[in-house]
N, C-alpha and C. Protein backbone atom coordinates (compact mmCIF):
# COMPACT_ATOMS: atom_id res chain seq x y z
N MET A 1 7.91 -20.78 16.39
CA MET A 1 8.30 -19.57 16.73
C MET A 1 7.05 -18.32 17.20
N LEU A 2 7.41 -17.73 18.22
CA LEU A 2 6.54 -16.72 18.63
C LEU A 2 6.69 -15.24 17.82
N ALA A 3 5.71 -14.62 17.72
CA ALA A 3 5.63 -13.23 17.09
C ALA A 3 6.74 -12.42 17.78
N MET A 4 7.32 -11.67 16.89
CA MET A 4 7.94 -10.65 17.61
C MET A 4 7.41 -9.75 18.67
N SER A 5 6.09 -9.39 18.66
CA SER A 5 5.33 -8.69 19.72
C SER A 5 5.33 -9.79 21.11
N ASP A 6 5.03 -11.04 20.54
CA ASP A 6 5.32 -11.80 21.97
C ASP A 6 6.24 -12.05 22.63
N ILE A 7 7.41 -12.06 21.79
CA ILE A 7 8.93 -12.19 22.43
C ILE A 7 8.97 -10.68 23.20
N ASN A 8 8.53 -9.62 22.58
CA ASN A 8 8.89 -8.19 23.33
C ASN A 8 8.23 -8.41 24.52
N CYS A 9 6.91 -8.99 24.67
CA CYS A 9 6.20 -8.86 25.90
C CYS A 9 7.05 -9.67 26.97
N ILE A 10 7.13 -10.82 26.39
CA ILE A 10 7.94 -11.79 27.49
C ILE A 10 9.23 -10.79 28.30
N LYS A 11 9.98 -10.33 27.22
CA LYS A 11 11.18 -9.68 27.83
C LYS A 11 10.74 -8.51 28.63
N HIS A 12 9.58 -7.77 28.38
CA HIS A 12 9.12 -6.47 29.07
C HIS A 12 8.75 -7.33 30.64
N LEU A 13 7.96 -8.26 30.47
CA LEU A 13 7.33 -8.73 31.72
C LEU A 13 8.73 -9.30 32.79
N ARG A 14 9.71 -9.62 32.14
CA ARG A 14 10.80 -10.21 32.81
C ARG A 14 11.87 -9.14 33.30
N ASN A 15 12.18 -8.25 32.53
CA ASN A 15 13.30 -7.17 32.49
C ASN A 15 12.38 -5.83 33.35
N ASN A 16 11.40 -5.68 33.18
CA ASN A 16 10.90 -4.41 33.57
C ASN A 16 9.96 -4.65 34.47
N LYS A 17 9.23 -5.92 34.50
CA LYS A 17 8.18 -5.87 35.55
C LYS A 17 8.45 -6.94 36.86
N GLY A 18 9.75 -7.66 36.33
CA GLY A 18 10.46 -8.62 37.32
C GLY A 18 9.57 -9.78 37.67
N LEU A 19 8.95 -10.29 36.68
CA LEU A 19 8.01 -11.55 36.94
C LEU A 19 8.64 -12.88 36.54
N SER A 20 8.66 -13.83 37.42
CA SER A 20 9.10 -14.88 37.47
C SER A 20 8.84 -15.48 36.18
N ILE A 21 9.54 -16.69 35.82
CA ILE A 21 9.35 -17.33 34.48
C ILE A 21 8.01 -18.21 34.46
N THR A 22 7.63 -18.62 35.74
CA THR A 22 6.16 -19.31 36.12
C THR A 22 4.96 -18.35 36.00
N LYS A 23 5.36 -17.16 36.54
CA LYS A 23 4.27 -16.02 36.37
C LYS A 23 4.18 -15.63 34.88
N ILE A 24 5.02 -15.33 34.00
CA ILE A 24 4.86 -15.27 32.62
C ILE A 24 4.56 -16.24 31.65
N GLN A 25 4.95 -17.49 32.23
CA GLN A 25 4.09 -18.68 31.42
C GLN A 25 2.96 -18.58 31.90
N GLN A 26 2.14 -18.28 32.92
CA GLN A 26 1.00 -18.43 33.37
C GLN A 26 0.07 -17.11 32.88
N THR A 27 0.61 -16.04 32.88
CA THR A 27 -0.04 -15.01 32.21
C THR A 27 -0.28 -14.88 30.58
N LEU A 28 0.87 -15.57 29.92
CA LEU A 28 0.66 -15.56 28.45
C LEU A 28 0.10 -16.90 28.11
N LYS A 29 0.14 -17.77 29.10
CA LYS A 29 -0.29 -18.86 28.58
C LYS A 29 0.46 -19.92 27.36
N ILE A 30 1.83 -19.74 27.84
CA ILE A 30 2.59 -20.59 26.72
C ILE A 30 3.65 -21.48 27.51
N ASN A 31 4.23 -22.43 26.83
CA ASN A 31 4.98 -23.23 27.28
C ASN A 31 6.22 -22.60 28.24
N TRP A 32 6.43 -23.50 29.43
CA TRP A 32 7.45 -23.05 30.30
C TRP A 32 8.68 -22.70 29.69
N ARG A 33 9.09 -23.81 29.05
CA ARG A 33 10.36 -23.59 28.31
C ARG A 33 10.71 -22.37 27.39
N THR A 34 9.59 -22.44 26.76
CA THR A 34 9.61 -21.02 25.81
C THR A 34 9.50 -20.04 26.30
N ALA A 35 8.99 -19.56 27.58
CA ALA A 35 9.12 -18.43 28.38
C ALA A 35 10.46 -18.39 28.85
N LYS A 36 11.26 -19.42 29.57
CA LYS A 36 12.37 -19.51 30.00
C LYS A 36 13.59 -18.92 28.72
N LYS A 37 13.22 -19.61 27.48
CA LYS A 37 13.94 -19.34 26.39
C LYS A 37 13.95 -17.61 25.91
N TYR A 38 12.75 -17.13 25.74
CA TYR A 38 13.03 -15.64 25.30
C TYR A 38 13.11 -14.79 26.19
N ALA A 39 13.05 -15.23 27.71
CA ALA A 39 12.64 -14.22 28.92
C ALA A 39 14.56 -13.85 29.27
N ASP A 40 15.07 -15.04 28.97
CA ASP A 40 16.69 -14.85 29.80
C ASP A 40 17.66 -14.91 28.39
N GLU A 41 17.54 -15.15 27.62
CA GLU A 41 18.18 -15.09 26.22
C GLU A 41 18.29 -13.83 25.70
N ASP A 42 19.69 -13.11 25.55
CA ASP A 42 19.78 -11.74 25.05
C ASP A 42 19.22 -11.68 23.36
N GLN A 43 19.74 -13.02 22.78
CA GLN A 43 19.28 -12.80 21.32
C GLN A 43 17.86 -12.92 21.06
N ILE A 44 17.43 -11.81 20.09
CA ILE A 44 16.33 -11.87 19.62
C ILE A 44 16.03 -12.08 18.21
N PRO A 45 15.33 -13.33 17.82
CA PRO A 45 15.17 -13.81 16.65
C PRO A 45 15.00 -12.51 15.59
N THR A 46 15.54 -12.61 14.17
CA THR A 46 15.50 -11.59 13.40
C THR A 46 14.49 -12.18 12.45
N THR A 47 13.86 -11.28 11.88
CA THR A 47 12.67 -11.66 10.75
C THR A 47 13.38 -11.70 9.33
N LYS A 48 13.62 -12.25 8.65
CA LYS A 48 13.87 -12.28 7.31
C LYS A 48 13.03 -11.68 6.29
N ILE A 49 13.42 -10.48 5.62
CA ILE A 49 12.45 -9.86 4.71
C ILE A 49 12.91 -10.19 3.38
N SER A 50 11.92 -10.93 2.71
CA SER A 50 12.42 -11.24 1.29
C SER A 50 12.25 -9.87 0.43
N PRO A 51 13.21 -9.66 -0.49
CA PRO A 51 12.93 -8.58 -1.45
C PRO A 51 11.60 -8.95 -2.30
N LYS A 52 10.85 -7.92 -2.65
CA LYS A 52 9.79 -7.78 -3.40
C LYS A 52 9.94 -7.84 -4.86
N LYS A 53 9.50 -8.74 -5.46
CA LYS A 53 9.77 -9.29 -6.99
C LYS A 53 8.69 -8.72 -7.98
N GLY A 54 9.12 -8.39 -9.25
CA GLY A 54 8.21 -7.77 -10.09
C GLY A 54 8.41 -6.83 -10.91
N MET A 55 7.96 -6.18 -11.99
CA MET A 55 8.41 -5.11 -12.49
C MET A 55 8.29 -3.71 -11.88
N MET A 56 7.22 -3.80 -10.95
CA MET A 56 7.24 -2.63 -10.32
C MET A 56 8.18 -2.46 -9.22
N TYR A 57 8.92 -3.43 -8.85
CA TYR A 57 10.11 -3.39 -7.76
C TYR A 57 11.18 -3.43 -8.57
N GLU A 58 11.41 -4.29 -9.69
CA GLU A 58 12.89 -4.56 -10.05
C GLU A 58 13.11 -3.45 -11.21
N GLU A 59 12.28 -2.71 -12.02
CA GLU A 59 12.46 -2.01 -12.62
C GLU A 59 12.34 -0.49 -12.33
N LYS A 60 12.14 0.42 -13.09
CA LYS A 60 11.90 1.90 -12.48
C LYS A 60 10.43 2.52 -12.25
N TRP A 61 9.69 1.42 -12.64
CA TRP A 61 8.17 1.94 -12.33
C TRP A 61 7.72 2.04 -11.00
N GLY A 62 7.93 1.48 -10.12
CA GLY A 62 7.90 1.54 -8.94
C GLY A 62 8.43 2.82 -8.16
N GLU A 63 9.32 3.50 -8.68
CA GLU A 63 10.27 4.44 -8.07
C GLU A 63 9.24 5.73 -8.39
N ILE A 64 8.66 5.56 -9.86
CA ILE A 64 8.14 6.54 -10.58
C ILE A 64 6.66 6.76 -9.86
N VAL A 65 6.05 5.57 -9.89
CA VAL A 65 4.83 5.76 -9.27
C VAL A 65 4.84 6.14 -7.60
N SER A 66 5.81 5.89 -7.27
CA SER A 66 5.83 6.42 -5.81
C SER A 66 5.75 7.85 -5.65
N ASP A 67 6.95 8.33 -6.29
CA ASP A 67 6.89 9.65 -6.58
C ASP A 67 5.69 10.44 -6.60
N TRP A 68 4.86 9.73 -7.89
CA TRP A 68 3.71 10.46 -8.09
C TRP A 68 2.70 10.39 -6.72
N LEU A 69 2.31 9.01 -6.22
CA LEU A 69 1.55 8.93 -5.34
C LEU A 69 2.12 10.15 -4.03
N PHE A 70 3.47 10.27 -3.64
CA PHE A 70 3.61 10.89 -2.37
C PHE A 70 3.40 12.59 -2.89
N GLU A 71 3.64 13.03 -4.52
CA GLU A 71 3.09 14.49 -4.63
C GLU A 71 1.76 14.47 -4.67
N ASP A 72 0.99 13.45 -5.04
CA ASP A 72 -0.40 13.60 -4.78
C ASP A 72 -0.86 13.58 -3.33
N SER A 73 -0.51 13.03 -2.53
CA SER A 73 -0.92 12.85 -1.13
C SER A 73 -0.71 14.39 -0.17
N LYS A 74 -0.13 15.18 -0.81
CA LYS A 74 -0.02 16.58 -0.60
C LYS A 74 -1.11 17.63 -0.98
N LEU A 75 -1.75 16.77 -1.73
CA LEU A 75 -3.10 17.55 -2.52
C LEU A 75 -4.50 17.06 -1.63
N ARG A 76 -5.51 17.80 -1.83
CA ARG A 76 -6.87 17.73 -1.61
C ARG A 76 -7.22 16.22 -2.32
N ARG A 77 -8.16 15.49 -1.71
CA ARG A 77 -8.30 14.26 -2.13
C ARG A 77 -8.75 14.36 -3.64
N LYS A 78 -9.90 14.98 -3.68
CA LYS A 78 -10.29 15.25 -4.89
C LYS A 78 -9.40 15.94 -6.45
N ASP A 79 -8.42 16.51 -6.01
CA ASP A 79 -7.43 16.78 -6.82
C ASP A 79 -6.04 16.02 -7.19
N ARG A 80 -6.35 14.62 -6.37
CA ARG A 80 -5.71 13.60 -6.79
C ARG A 80 -5.68 12.79 -8.25
N ARG A 81 -4.87 12.46 -8.55
CA ARG A 81 -5.18 11.68 -9.92
C ARG A 81 -5.69 10.24 -9.45
N SER A 82 -6.46 9.54 -10.43
CA SER A 82 -7.01 8.33 -10.15
C SER A 82 -5.95 7.29 -10.42
N LYS A 83 -6.52 6.03 -9.99
CA LYS A 83 -5.41 5.10 -10.63
C LYS A 83 -5.66 4.98 -12.20
N LYS A 84 -6.62 4.86 -12.88
CA LYS A 84 -6.74 5.25 -14.28
C LYS A 84 -5.81 6.20 -14.70
N LYS A 85 -6.00 7.01 -13.99
CA LYS A 85 -5.02 8.35 -14.92
C LYS A 85 -3.85 7.90 -14.65
N LEU A 86 -3.18 7.48 -13.55
CA LEU A 86 -1.63 7.09 -13.32
C LEU A 86 -1.53 5.86 -14.44
N PHE A 87 -2.76 5.01 -14.60
CA PHE A 87 -1.95 3.79 -15.62
C PHE A 87 -1.97 4.73 -16.95
N GLU A 88 -2.73 5.69 -17.42
CA GLU A 88 -2.53 6.14 -18.71
C GLU A 88 -1.12 6.88 -18.63
N GLU A 89 -0.56 7.75 -17.85
CA GLU A 89 0.34 8.29 -17.51
C GLU A 89 1.72 7.48 -17.73
N LEU A 90 1.58 6.29 -17.30
CA LEU A 90 2.74 5.14 -17.09
C LEU A 90 2.62 4.69 -18.60
N GLN A 91 1.70 4.47 -18.93
CA GLN A 91 1.50 3.96 -20.40
C GLN A 91 2.50 4.60 -21.46
N GLU A 92 2.28 6.24 -21.42
CA GLU A 92 2.69 7.36 -22.12
C GLU A 92 4.43 7.26 -22.12
N LEU A 93 5.04 6.60 -20.85
CA LEU A 93 6.37 6.39 -20.52
C LEU A 93 6.78 5.28 -21.11
N GLY A 94 5.66 4.07 -21.70
CA GLY A 94 6.29 3.10 -22.06
C GLY A 94 5.98 1.72 -21.11
N PHE A 95 5.00 1.85 -20.04
CA PHE A 95 4.90 0.82 -19.33
C PHE A 95 4.00 -0.25 -20.26
N LYS A 96 4.23 -1.79 -20.14
CA LYS A 96 3.81 -2.77 -20.65
C LYS A 96 3.09 -3.48 -19.66
N GLY A 97 3.15 -2.90 -18.41
CA GLY A 97 2.54 -4.05 -17.55
C GLY A 97 0.98 -3.54 -17.34
N SER A 98 0.08 -4.49 -16.63
CA SER A 98 -1.36 -4.58 -16.87
C SER A 98 -1.87 -3.18 -15.63
N TYR A 99 -3.01 -3.07 -15.66
CA TYR A 99 -3.63 -2.13 -14.77
C TYR A 99 -3.88 -2.98 -13.56
N ARG A 100 -3.86 -4.06 -13.07
CA ARG A 100 -4.16 -4.86 -12.15
C ARG A 100 -2.88 -4.76 -11.35
N THR A 101 -1.74 -4.76 -11.99
CA THR A 101 -0.35 -4.93 -11.56
C THR A 101 0.12 -3.40 -10.93
N LEU A 102 -0.64 -2.37 -11.65
CA LEU A 102 -0.49 -0.88 -10.90
C LEU A 102 -1.28 -0.90 -9.59
N CYS A 103 -2.62 -1.41 -9.75
CA CYS A 103 -3.38 -1.18 -8.53
C CYS A 103 -2.74 -2.19 -7.34
N TYR A 104 -2.03 -2.96 -7.81
CA TYR A 104 -1.66 -3.98 -6.45
C TYR A 104 -0.74 -3.47 -5.90
N PHE A 105 0.56 -2.44 -6.75
CA PHE A 105 1.61 -1.64 -6.21
C PHE A 105 1.15 -0.70 -5.41
N ILE A 106 0.03 -0.08 -5.75
CA ILE A 106 -0.51 1.42 -5.15
C ILE A 106 -1.04 0.94 -3.83
N GLN A 107 -1.78 -0.10 -3.52
CA GLN A 107 -2.33 -0.63 -2.15
C GLN A 107 -1.31 -0.92 -1.51
N ASP A 108 0.00 -1.74 -2.04
CA ASP A 108 0.99 -2.01 -1.00
C ASP A 108 1.74 -0.65 -0.70
N TRP A 109 1.61 0.49 -1.59
CA TRP A 109 2.34 1.64 -1.26
C TRP A 109 1.66 2.60 -0.11
N ILE A 110 0.12 2.17 -0.24
CA ILE A 110 -0.58 2.76 0.83
C ILE A 110 -0.59 1.96 1.96
N ASN A 111 -0.55 0.98 2.02
CA ASN A 111 -0.37 0.19 3.24
C ASN A 111 0.78 0.18 4.08
N THR A 112 1.98 0.68 3.39
CA THR A 112 3.38 1.07 4.24
C THR A 112 3.63 2.83 4.31
N HIS A 113 2.84 3.53 3.83
CA HIS A 113 2.71 4.75 4.13
C HIS A 113 1.74 5.45 4.63
N ASN A 114 2.05 5.89 5.86
CA ASN A 114 0.88 6.78 6.81
C ASN A 114 0.84 8.13 6.13
N VAL A 115 0.39 8.16 5.04
CA VAL A 115 0.16 9.69 4.53
C VAL A 115 -0.48 10.81 5.12
N GLU A 116 -1.44 10.50 5.55
CA GLU A 116 -2.20 11.39 6.29
C GLU A 116 -1.80 11.87 7.70
N SER A 117 -1.12 11.09 8.58
CA SER A 117 -0.31 11.36 9.92
C SER A 117 0.83 12.74 9.44
N ASP A 118 1.36 12.34 8.10
CA ASP A 118 2.25 13.61 7.64
C ASP A 118 1.66 14.73 7.53
N LYS A 119 0.82 15.13 7.57
CA LYS A 119 -0.10 16.27 7.30
C LYS A 119 -0.55 16.71 8.59
N GLY A 120 -0.47 15.92 9.62
CA GLY A 120 -0.97 16.68 10.91
C GLY A 120 -2.57 16.47 11.48
N TYR A 121 -3.19 15.61 10.25
CA TYR A 121 -4.15 15.26 10.50
C TYR A 121 -4.75 14.60 11.87
N GLU A 122 -5.84 14.91 12.56
CA GLU A 122 -6.11 14.12 13.92
C GLU A 122 -7.06 13.40 13.76
N ARG A 123 -7.11 12.24 14.10
CA ARG A 123 -8.08 10.97 13.80
C ARG A 123 -9.46 11.42 14.60
N LEU A 124 -10.57 11.23 13.93
CA LEU A 124 -12.10 11.56 14.14
C LEU A 124 -12.32 10.46 15.23
N ASP A 125 -13.28 10.60 16.25
CA ASP A 125 -13.93 9.52 16.71
C ASP A 125 -15.18 9.45 15.95
N HIS A 126 -15.67 8.08 15.57
CA HIS A 126 -16.98 8.05 15.12
C HIS A 126 -17.88 7.16 15.61
N PRO A 127 -18.68 7.57 16.54
CA PRO A 127 -19.78 6.57 17.30
C PRO A 127 -20.31 5.45 16.49
N PRO A 128 -20.88 4.35 16.91
CA PRO A 128 -21.51 3.53 16.20
C PRO A 128 -22.86 4.06 15.47
N GLY A 129 -23.09 3.84 14.53
CA GLY A 129 -24.40 4.73 13.84
C GLY A 129 -24.13 6.14 13.32
N GLU A 130 -22.81 6.40 13.16
CA GLU A 130 -22.73 7.68 12.51
C GLU A 130 -22.25 7.12 11.43
N ALA A 131 -22.74 8.04 10.33
CA ALA A 131 -22.39 7.90 8.83
C ALA A 131 -21.88 9.36 8.50
N GLN A 132 -21.26 9.20 7.24
CA GLN A 132 -20.77 10.53 6.36
C GLN A 132 -20.63 10.15 4.93
N VAL A 133 -21.36 11.60 4.23
CA VAL A 133 -21.71 11.30 2.92
C VAL A 133 -21.07 12.41 2.00
N ASP A 134 -20.49 12.15 0.88
CA ASP A 134 -19.80 12.85 0.28
C ASP A 134 -20.14 12.38 -1.39
N PHE A 135 -19.86 13.57 -2.40
CA PHE A 135 -20.10 12.63 -3.62
C PHE A 135 -18.32 12.48 -4.06
N GLY A 136 -18.29 11.45 -4.90
CA GLY A 136 -17.03 10.81 -5.00
C GLY A 136 -16.92 10.28 -6.64
N VAL A 137 -15.85 9.80 -7.08
CA VAL A 137 -15.86 9.11 -8.15
C VAL A 137 -15.31 7.83 -8.15
N MET A 138 -16.12 6.79 -8.92
CA MET A 138 -15.77 5.55 -9.04
C MET A 138 -15.27 4.96 -10.18
N GLU A 139 -14.84 3.95 -10.48
CA GLU A 139 -14.26 3.47 -11.69
C GLU A 139 -14.95 2.35 -11.83
N ALA A 140 -15.47 2.30 -13.20
CA ALA A 140 -16.45 1.28 -13.66
C ALA A 140 -16.07 0.68 -15.03
N VAL A 141 -16.38 -0.42 -15.42
CA VAL A 141 -16.14 -0.75 -17.01
C VAL A 141 -17.28 -0.83 -18.02
N GLN A 142 -17.15 0.02 -18.77
CA GLN A 142 -18.14 0.44 -19.83
C GLN A 142 -17.55 0.14 -21.15
N ASP A 143 -18.55 -0.76 -21.90
CA ASP A 143 -18.00 -1.36 -23.07
C ASP A 143 -16.61 -1.51 -23.31
N GLY A 144 -16.06 -2.26 -22.14
CA GLY A 144 -14.78 -2.71 -22.45
C GLY A 144 -13.66 -1.84 -21.84
N GLU A 145 -14.02 -0.79 -21.38
CA GLU A 145 -12.81 0.25 -20.96
C GLU A 145 -13.47 1.05 -19.87
N LEU A 146 -12.23 1.21 -19.02
CA LEU A 146 -12.48 1.72 -17.62
C LEU A 146 -12.99 3.41 -17.84
N VAL A 147 -14.06 3.74 -17.20
CA VAL A 147 -14.34 5.06 -17.27
C VAL A 147 -14.60 5.27 -15.72
N ASP A 148 -14.78 6.94 -15.51
CA ASP A 148 -14.96 7.40 -14.09
C ASP A 148 -16.45 7.79 -14.42
N VAL A 149 -17.05 7.52 -12.94
CA VAL A 149 -18.58 7.67 -13.02
C VAL A 149 -18.52 8.40 -11.46
N ARG A 150 -19.38 9.47 -11.38
CA ARG A 150 -19.82 9.98 -10.41
C ARG A 150 -20.63 9.37 -9.49
N ALA A 151 -20.32 9.62 -8.08
CA ALA A 151 -21.33 8.73 -7.01
C ALA A 151 -21.55 9.43 -5.94
N LEU A 152 -22.57 9.50 -5.17
CA LEU A 152 -22.69 9.67 -3.77
C LEU A 152 -22.27 8.49 -3.02
N ILE A 153 -21.45 8.79 -1.78
CA ILE A 153 -20.94 7.63 -1.29
C ILE A 153 -21.30 7.70 0.08
N MET A 154 -21.80 6.89 0.86
CA MET A 154 -22.02 7.08 2.25
C MET A 154 -21.23 5.86 2.95
N SER A 155 -20.52 6.20 4.02
CA SER A 155 -19.59 5.09 4.98
C SER A 155 -20.16 5.54 6.37
N TYR A 156 -19.80 4.19 7.02
CA TYR A 156 -19.96 4.21 8.52
C TYR A 156 -18.80 3.94 8.85
N PRO A 157 -17.90 4.85 9.15
CA PRO A 157 -16.42 4.71 9.79
C PRO A 157 -16.09 3.78 10.90
N ASN A 158 -17.00 3.78 11.93
CA ASN A 158 -17.25 2.71 13.00
C ASN A 158 -16.94 1.59 12.67
N SER A 159 -17.74 1.14 11.48
CA SER A 159 -17.66 -0.48 11.29
C SER A 159 -17.06 -0.33 10.00
N ASN A 160 -16.56 0.66 9.08
CA ASN A 160 -16.05 0.12 7.92
C ASN A 160 -16.91 0.22 6.83
N ALA A 161 -18.27 0.24 6.99
CA ALA A 161 -19.21 -0.42 6.27
C ALA A 161 -19.26 0.84 4.78
N GLY A 162 -19.56 0.57 3.79
CA GLY A 162 -19.69 1.53 2.87
C GLY A 162 -20.70 1.44 1.69
N PHE A 163 -21.62 2.15 1.53
CA PHE A 163 -22.44 2.18 0.11
C PHE A 163 -22.32 3.31 -0.68
N ALA A 164 -22.63 2.98 -2.05
CA ALA A 164 -22.35 3.85 -3.00
C ALA A 164 -23.45 4.02 -4.28
N VAL A 165 -23.72 5.02 -4.72
CA VAL A 165 -25.12 4.95 -5.67
C VAL A 165 -24.38 5.89 -6.87
N PRO A 166 -24.19 5.54 -7.96
CA PRO A 166 -23.74 6.16 -9.31
C PRO A 166 -24.79 7.07 -9.67
N LEU A 167 -24.52 8.46 -10.05
CA LEU A 167 -25.51 9.52 -10.13
C LEU A 167 -25.11 10.39 -11.62
N PRO A 168 -26.12 11.16 -12.28
CA PRO A 168 -25.54 11.80 -13.58
C PRO A 168 -24.99 13.10 -12.93
N SER A 169 -25.45 13.64 -11.82
CA SER A 169 -24.83 15.18 -11.69
C SER A 169 -24.65 15.27 -9.86
N GLU A 170 -24.03 16.50 -9.65
CA GLU A 170 -23.87 16.79 -8.26
C GLU A 170 -24.75 17.77 -7.93
N ASN A 171 -25.77 17.68 -8.33
CA ASN A 171 -27.12 18.40 -7.63
C ASN A 171 -27.70 18.18 -6.74
N GLN A 172 -28.70 19.34 -5.99
CA GLN A 172 -29.52 18.76 -4.90
C GLN A 172 -30.40 17.79 -5.29
N GLU A 173 -31.27 17.93 -6.28
CA GLU A 173 -32.03 16.45 -6.85
C GLU A 173 -31.26 15.26 -6.88
N CYS A 174 -29.94 15.05 -7.29
CA CYS A 174 -29.30 13.74 -7.47
C CYS A 174 -28.73 13.36 -5.79
N PHE A 175 -28.65 14.66 -5.23
CA PHE A 175 -28.10 14.43 -3.71
C PHE A 175 -29.61 13.73 -3.11
N LEU A 176 -30.60 14.02 -2.96
CA LEU A 176 -31.59 13.67 -2.18
C LEU A 176 -32.07 12.25 -2.58
N HIS A 177 -32.21 11.99 -3.88
CA HIS A 177 -32.21 10.71 -4.65
C HIS A 177 -31.67 9.65 -4.25
N GLY A 178 -30.08 10.35 -4.41
CA GLY A 178 -28.93 9.22 -3.98
C GLY A 178 -29.00 8.70 -2.50
N LEU A 179 -29.38 10.00 -1.33
CA LEU A 179 -29.77 9.34 0.06
C LEU A 179 -30.82 8.47 0.01
N GLN A 180 -31.61 8.74 -0.62
CA GLN A 180 -32.94 7.54 -0.38
C GLN A 180 -32.51 6.19 -0.98
N MET A 181 -31.41 6.16 -2.20
CA MET A 181 -31.18 4.89 -2.45
C MET A 181 -29.93 4.01 -1.19
N LEU A 182 -29.22 5.05 -0.89
CA LEU A 182 -28.35 5.03 0.12
C LEU A 182 -29.00 4.14 1.29
N PHE A 183 -30.19 4.83 1.72
CA PHE A 183 -30.62 4.33 2.72
C PHE A 183 -31.45 2.80 2.91
N LYS A 184 -31.85 2.68 1.37
CA LYS A 184 -32.44 1.25 1.22
C LYS A 184 -31.13 0.25 1.18
N GLN A 185 -30.25 0.60 0.63
CA GLN A 185 -28.67 -0.19 0.69
C GLN A 185 -28.40 -0.67 1.61
N SER A 186 -28.51 0.12 2.65
CA SER A 186 -27.81 0.00 4.19
C SER A 186 -28.96 -0.59 4.93
N GLY A 187 -30.04 -0.67 4.61
CA GLY A 187 -31.33 -1.48 5.21
C GLY A 187 -31.84 -0.11 6.53
N GLY A 188 -31.67 1.16 6.38
CA GLY A 188 -31.96 1.75 7.54
C GLY A 188 -31.40 3.18 7.45
N VAL A 189 -31.72 4.01 8.56
CA VAL A 189 -31.06 5.39 8.56
C VAL A 189 -30.17 5.72 9.43
N PRO A 190 -29.05 6.06 9.27
CA PRO A 190 -28.05 6.36 10.41
C PRO A 190 -28.68 7.19 11.21
N MET A 191 -27.80 7.06 12.49
CA MET A 191 -28.44 7.74 13.61
C MET A 191 -28.09 9.46 13.51
N SER A 192 -26.80 9.46 12.77
CA SER A 192 -26.54 11.22 12.67
C SER A 192 -25.74 11.02 11.22
N LEU A 193 -25.67 11.79 10.54
CA LEU A 193 -25.22 12.04 9.36
C LEU A 193 -24.18 13.03 9.19
N ARG A 194 -22.78 13.19 8.74
CA ARG A 194 -22.20 14.00 9.15
C ARG A 194 -21.87 14.37 7.21
N ILE A 195 -21.97 15.87 7.35
CA ILE A 195 -21.87 16.28 5.74
C ILE A 195 -20.80 17.43 5.77
N ASP A 196 -20.03 17.63 5.27
CA ASP A 196 -18.88 18.56 5.09
C ASP A 196 -18.95 19.53 4.11
N ASN A 197 -19.85 20.54 4.32
CA ASN A 197 -20.35 21.70 3.59
C ASN A 197 -20.30 21.16 2.44
N LEU A 198 -21.46 20.25 2.03
CA LEU A 198 -21.46 19.83 0.52
C LEU A 198 -22.51 20.76 0.08
N THR A 199 -22.10 21.25 -1.12
CA THR A 199 -23.00 22.17 -1.88
C THR A 199 -24.54 22.15 -1.68
N PRO A 200 -24.66 20.73 -2.73
CA PRO A 200 -26.12 20.29 -2.82
C PRO A 200 -26.72 20.04 -1.58
N ALA A 201 -26.19 20.18 -0.53
CA ALA A 201 -27.03 19.60 0.87
C ALA A 201 -26.97 20.77 1.70
N VAL A 202 -25.95 21.78 1.59
CA VAL A 202 -26.02 22.96 2.52
C VAL A 202 -26.43 24.30 1.91
N LYS A 203 -27.47 25.17 2.19
CA LYS A 203 -27.74 26.04 1.37
C LYS A 203 -26.85 27.13 1.72
N LYS A 204 -26.49 27.64 3.14
CA LYS A 204 -25.58 28.39 3.33
C LYS A 204 -24.77 28.12 4.64
N VAL A 205 -23.42 28.47 4.71
CA VAL A 205 -22.79 28.04 5.93
C VAL A 205 -22.91 28.96 6.78
N ARG A 206 -23.42 28.75 8.21
CA ARG A 206 -23.67 29.48 9.35
C ARG A 206 -22.23 29.91 9.86
N THR A 207 -22.27 31.24 10.35
CA THR A 207 -21.05 31.70 10.96
C THR A 207 -21.33 31.57 12.53
N LYS A 208 -20.08 31.84 13.41
CA LYS A 208 -20.54 31.99 14.76
C LYS A 208 -21.45 32.58 15.08
N THR A 209 -21.37 34.13 14.64
CA THR A 209 -22.17 35.16 15.02
C THR A 209 -23.36 35.19 14.64
N GLU A 210 -23.69 34.46 13.42
CA GLU A 210 -25.13 34.22 13.09
C GLU A 210 -25.75 32.84 14.26
N GLU A 211 -24.89 32.07 14.86
CA GLU A 211 -25.25 30.79 15.33
C GLU A 211 -25.83 31.45 16.81
N ALA A 212 -25.34 32.57 17.16
CA ALA A 212 -25.48 33.15 18.41
C ALA A 212 -26.77 34.14 18.72
């Protein structure tokens, strides 16, 4: 069976573009009978969606976490609760599931909710070779327990490549040392580096009057 996107394309070429069955078959490189079936039949096969199973979907926990994630999506990234914090708050309510179960649910929620578009953000264009750097928090295992570790993170948005270096603090010395380590990890220096008013890297923010 063809994917819904292919079926819609066949119907568009037939109904809106007026292409013949043979032309559709040649354009999409599909069987002639298949092109005929979906081009001229009114019925479109429906996709059966199986209900998701598990304690996060069958019990109250998924609804609780969804509410928390939606609330946090309205905050700055640095002010949002980490997965570890959400897990601890769930445990206080009697949650008996594992940390991994929560992480799987959060990732599924993120994949199905376009949170950033709700806030009116505009998609940035990142050319190849451009990187962006900022301090963040990583989760690590220390002595069998999850702990938050501060890190300098550099990413290449165009290719989705990313590198991180754990650091003891967020000062200028750590920033410069972290950059050296990140450049070694990535195997080179980016053509340009985007820094969003990072305090250890920016001594003073210039105004338009000063630039003039």
